Amino acid sequence: MTGYGAVVAALSFWLSQAILARRDAGVSIGDPGSLRLVVASALLAPVCGLAGMAIGVLLRHGGAAIVTVVVVLLVVPLVFADDRHWAAVVDHALPSSAWTRLVDVRYDPGTGIPFPWTVGGAWTVFAAPRRDQ
């Protein structure tokens, strides 16, 4: 999954930059936030795969595991917001929310977000499932 994620992230960045360069809007991998975006995108696939395997091991039923993974990875981040502390804690523990935080290079915690989080916190969400292997 890591190899798959790396290939997809690198090709996506390369293709999008080839298209944007024609319009004088491209960025290089050395620009602030570009490398972080590619690495975070490459790691999203293995982190979601590990989360799915963990849910599958806990539930031990294929159909229920698939439904639960889709709900946890895609629906729950839409429901929880940063307006309450407990909701922010749940939201900040989800891989898709961590990826969103890592790829947002213009994130400004001073814009009225009650419970902001750091880039280090988002990297911790990506690193935590790998420690359980």
C-alpha atoms as a PDB file:
ATOM      1  CA  MET A   1       0.000   0.000   0.000  1.00  0.00           C
ATOM      2  CA  THR A   2       2.872   2.365   0.695  1.00  0.00           C
ATOM      3  CA  GLY A   3       4.331   1.756  -2.758  1.00  0.00           C
ATOM      4  CA  TYR A   4       0.904   2.227  -4.321  1.00  0.00           C
ATOM      5  CA  GLY A   5       0.366   5.458  -2.398  1.00  0.00           C
ATOM      6  CA  ALA A   6       3.800   6.778  -3.351  1.00  0.00           C
ATOM      7  CA  VAL A   7       3.294   6.041  -7.055  1.00  0.00           C
ATOM      8  CA  VAL A   8      -0.179   7.600  -7.111  1.00  0.00           C
ATOM      9  CA  ALA A   9       0.907  10.692  -5.153  1.00  0.00           C
ATOM     10  CA  ALA A  10       4.030  11.243  -7.276  1.00  0.00           C
ATOM     11  CA  LEU A  11       2.188  10.760 -10.575  1.00  0.00           C
ATOM     12  CA  SER A  12      -0.667  12.995  -9.443  1.00  0.00           C
ATOM     13  CA  PHE A  13       1.743  15.753  -8.465  1.00  0.00           C
ATOM     14  CA  TRP A  14       3.743  15.402 -11.673  1.00  0.00           C
ATOM     15  CA  LEU A  15       0.649  15.386 -13.931  1.00  0.00           C
ATOM     16  CA  SER A  16      -1.028  18.287 -12.169  1.00  0.00           C
ATOM     17  CA  GLN A  17       2.157  20.330 -12.344  1.00  0.00           C
ATOM     18  CA  ALA A  18       2.540  19.542 -16.049  1.00  0.00           C
ATOM     19  CA  ILE A  19      -0.964  20.877 -16.632  1.00  0.00           C
ATOM     20  CA  LEU A  20      -0.514  23.903 -14.367  1.00  0.00           C
ATOM     21  CA  ALA A  21       2.879  24.777 -15.858  1.00  0.00           C
ATOM     22  CA  ARG A  22       1.202  25.433 -19.206  1.00  0.00           C
ATOM     23  CA  ARG A  23      -0.825  28.150 -17.484  1.00  0.00           C
ATOM     24  CA  ASP A  24       2.130  29.538 -15.498  1.00  0.00           C
ATOM     25  CA  ALA A  25       0.578  28.328 -12.234  1.00  0.00           C
ATOM     26  CA  GLY A  26       2.809  25.349 -11.433  1.00  0.00           C
ATOM     27  CA  VAL A  27       4.846  24.885  -8.288  1.00  0.00           C
ATOM     28  CA  SER A  28       7.986  22.866  -7.684  1.00  0.00           C
ATOM     29  CA  ILE A  29       8.451  20.118  -5.134  1.00  0.00           C
ATOM     30  CA  GLY A  30      10.720  22.513  -3.232  1.00  0.00           C
ATOM     31  CA  ASP A  31       8.002  25.100  -2.650  1.00  0.00           C
ATOM     32  CA  PRO A  32       6.688  25.369   0.918  1.00  0.00           C
ATOM     33  CA  GLY A  33       4.200  22.622   1.647  1.00  0.00           C
ATOM     34  CA  SER A  34       4.622  20.725  -1.648  1.00  0.00           C
ATOM     35  CA  LEU A  35       6.748  17.886  -0.328  1.00  0.00           C
ATOM     36  CA  ARG A  36       4.548  17.576   2.767  1.00  0.00           C
ATOM     37  CA  LEU A  37       1.488  17.297   0.506  1.00  0.00           C
ATOM     38  CA  VAL A  38       3.040  14.528  -1.609  1.00  0.00           C
ATOM     39  CA  VAL A  39       4.288  12.548   1.416  1.00  0.00           C
ATOM     40  CA  ALA A  40       0.963  12.893   3.258  1.00  0.00           C
ATOM     41  CA  SER A  41      -0.908  11.769   0.139  1.00  0.00           C
ATOM     42  CA  ALA A  42       1.433   8.805  -0.284  1.00  0.00           C
ATOM     43  CA  LEU A  43       0.875   7.715   3.327  1.00  0.00           C
ATOM     44  CA  LEU A  44      -2.910   8.066   3.241  1.00  0.00           C
ATOM     45  CA  ALA A  45      -3.388   4.701   1.471  1.00  0.00           C
ATOM     46  CA  PRO A  46      -1.373   2.573   3.930  1.00  0.00           C
ATOM     47  CA  VAL A  47      -2.824   4.347   6.968  1.00  0.00           C
ATOM     48  CA  CYS A  48      -6.388   3.776   5.744  1.00  0.00           C
ATOM     49  CA  GLY A  49      -5.482   0.187   4.858  1.00  0.00           C
ATOM     50  CA  LEU A  50      -4.150  -0.438   8.359  1.00  0.00           C
ATOM     51  CA  ALA A  51      -7.230   1.139   9.900  1.00  0.00           C
ATOM     52  CA  GLY A  52      -9.404  -1.088   7.734  1.00  0.00           C
ATOM     53  CA  MET A  53      -7.460  -4.200   8.728  1.00  0.00           C
ATOM     54  CA  ALA A  54      -7.731  -3.273  12.402  1.00  0.00           C
ATOM     55  CA  ILE A  55     -11.490  -2.818  12.108  1.00  0.00           C
ATOM     56  CA  GLY A  56     -11.725  -6.120  10.215  1.00  0.00           C
ATOM     57  CA  VAL A  57      -9.825  -7.943  12.943  1.00  0.00           C
ATOM     58  CA  LEU A  58     -12.066  -6.475  15.623  1.00  0.00           C
ATOM     59  CA  LEU A  59     -15.351  -7.216  13.866  1.00  0.00           C
ATOM     60  CA  ARG A  60     -14.374 -10.504  12.161  1.00  0.00           C
ATOM     61  CA  HIS A  61     -17.180 -10.164   9.624  1.00  0.00           C
ATOM     62  CA  GLY A  62     -16.388  -8.939   6.103  1.00  0.00           C
ATOM     63  CA  GLY A  63     -19.573  -7.037   5.344  1.00  0.00           C
ATOM     64  CA  ALA A  64     -19.737  -5.313   8.707  1.00  0.00           C
ATOM     65  CA  ALA A  65     -16.044  -4.421   8.491  1.00  0.00           C
ATOM     66  CA  ILE A  66     -16.426  -2.816   5.060  1.00  0.00           C
ATOM     67  CA  VAL A  67     -19.443  -0.774   6.133  1.00  0.00           C
ATOM     68  CA  THR A  68     -17.711   0.298   9.349  1.00  0.00           C
ATOM     69  CA  VAL A  69     -14.529   1.329   7.520  1.00  0.00           C
ATOM     70  CA  VAL A  70     -16.496   3.430   5.032  1.00  0.00           C
ATOM     71  CA  VAL A  71     -18.434   5.074   7.853  1.00  0.00           C
ATOM     72  CA  VAL A  72     -15.336   5.710   9.987  1.00  0.00           C
ATOM     73  CA  LEU A  73     -13.123   6.981   7.170  1.00  0.00           C
ATOM     74  CA  LEU A  74     -15.643   8.884   5.047  1.00  0.00           C
ATOM     75  CA  VAL A  75     -18.807   9.728   6.995  1.00  0.00           C
ATOM     76  CA  VAL A  76     -17.580  10.442  10.536  1.00  0.00           C
ATOM     77  CA  PRO A  77     -15.221  13.269   9.414  1.00  0.00           C
ATOM     78  CA  LEU A  78     -18.213  15.020   7.836  1.00  0.00           C
ATOM     79  CA  VAL A  79     -20.212  14.825  11.070  1.00  0.00           C
ATOM     80  CA  PHE A  80     -17.624  16.038  13.575  1.00  0.00           C
ATOM     81  CA  ALA A  81     -16.383  19.606  13.555  1.00  0.00           C
ATOM     82  CA  ASP A  82     -13.966  21.691  15.591  1.00  0.00           C
ATOM     83  CA  ASP A  83     -16.652  23.618  17.464  1.00  0.00           C
ATOM     84  CA  ARG A  84     -16.704  21.425  20.598  1.00  0.00           C
ATOM     85  CA  HIS A  85     -13.732  19.913  22.377  1.00  0.00           C
ATOM     86  CA  TRP A  86     -14.912  16.285  22.327  1.00  0.00           C
ATOM     87  CA  ALA A  87     -15.871  16.546  18.640  1.00  0.00           C
ATOM     88  CA  ALA A  88     -12.504  18.093  17.815  1.00  0.00           C
ATOM     89  CA  VAL A  89     -10.716  15.242  19.615  1.00  0.00           C
ATOM     90  CA  VAL A  90     -12.613  12.650  17.564  1.00  0.00           C
ATOM     91  CA  ASP A  91     -12.087  14.597  14.334  1.00  0.00           C
ATOM     92  CA  HIS A  92      -8.366  15.037  14.979  1.00  0.00           C
ATOM     93  CA  ALA A  93      -7.932  11.270  15.441  1.00  0.00           C
ATOM     94  CA  LEU A  94      -9.220  10.374  11.963  1.00  0.00           C
ATOM     95  CA  PRO A  95      -6.819   9.738   9.042  1.00  0.00           C
ATOM     96  CA  SER A  96      -8.797  11.784   6.515  1.00  0.00           C
ATOM     97  CA  SER A  97      -8.897  14.789   8.835  1.00  0.00           C
ATOM     98  CA  ALA A  98      -5.156  14.457   9.465  1.00  0.00           C
ATOM     99  CA  TRP A  99      -4.538  14.353   5.715  1.00  0.00           C
ATOM    100  CA  THR A 100      -6.710  17.432   5.237  1.00  0.00           C
ATOM    101  CA  ARG A 101      -4.685  19.283   7.888  1.00  0.00           C
ATOM    102  CA  LEU A 102      -1.374  18.244   6.315  1.00  0.00           C
ATOM    103  CA  VAL A 103      -2.266  19.324   2.795  1.00  0.00           C
ATOM    104  CA  ASP A 104      -3.736  22.665   3.854  1.00  0.00           C
ATOM    105  CA  VAL A 105      -0.675  24.893   3.546  1.00  0.00           C
ATOM    106  CA  ARG A 106      -2.715  28.034   4.258  1.00  0.00           C
ATOM    107  CA  TYR A 107      -4.087  26.788   7.607  1.00  0.00           C
ATOM    108  CA  ASP A 108      -4.394  29.654  10.069  1.00  0.00           C
ATOM    109  CA  PRO A 109      -5.477  28.759  13.617  1.00  0.00           C
ATOM    110  CA  GLY A 110      -6.176  32.432  14.303  1.00  0.00           C
ATOM    111  CA  THR A 111      -9.246  32.467  12.040  1.00  0.00           C
ATOM    112  CA  GLY A 112     -11.693  31.571  14.791  1.00  0.00           C
ATOM    113  CA  ILE A 113     -11.109  27.829  14.972  1.00  0.00           C
ATOM    114  CA  PRO A 114     -11.880  26.992  18.616  1.00  0.00           C
ATOM    115  CA  PHE A 115      -9.703  23.867  18.810  1.00  0.00           C
ATOM    116  CA  PRO A 116      -6.918  24.106  16.205  1.00  0.00           C
ATOM    117  CA  TRP A 117      -4.314  21.418  15.768  1.00  0.00           C
ATOM    118  CA  THR A 118      -0.752  21.260  14.615  1.00  0.00           C
ATOM    119  CA  VAL A 119       1.064  19.612  11.743  1.00  0.00           C
ATOM    120  CA  GLY A 120       2.866  17.457  14.308  1.00  0.00           C
ATOM    121  CA  GLY A 121      -0.471  16.259  15.649  1.00  0.00           C
ATOM    122  CA  ALA A 122      -1.580  15.288  12.150  1.00  0.00           C
ATOM    123  CA  TRP A 123       1.684  13.389  11.548  1.00  0.00           C
ATOM    124  CA  THR A 124       1.097  11.600  14.857  1.00  0.00           C
ATOM    125  CA  VAL A 125      -2.262  10.330  13.588  1.00  0.00           C
ATOM    126  CA  PHE A 126      -0.478   8.926  10.535  1.00  0.00           C
ATOM    127  CA  ALA A 127       2.285   7.363  12.650  1.00  0.00           C
ATOM    128  CA  ALA A 128       0.145   5.881  15.441  1.00  0.00           C
ATOM    129  CA  PRO A 129      -1.359   2.941  13.499  1.00  0.00           C
ATOM    130  CA  ARG A 130       2.083   1.845  12.307  1.00  0.00           C
ATOM    131  CA  ARG A 131       3.291   1.317  15.865  1.00  0.00           C
ATOM    132  CA  ASP A 132       0.729  -1.467  16.403  1.00  0.00           C
ATOM    133  CA  GLN A 133       2.165  -3.739  13.714  1.00  0.00           C
END
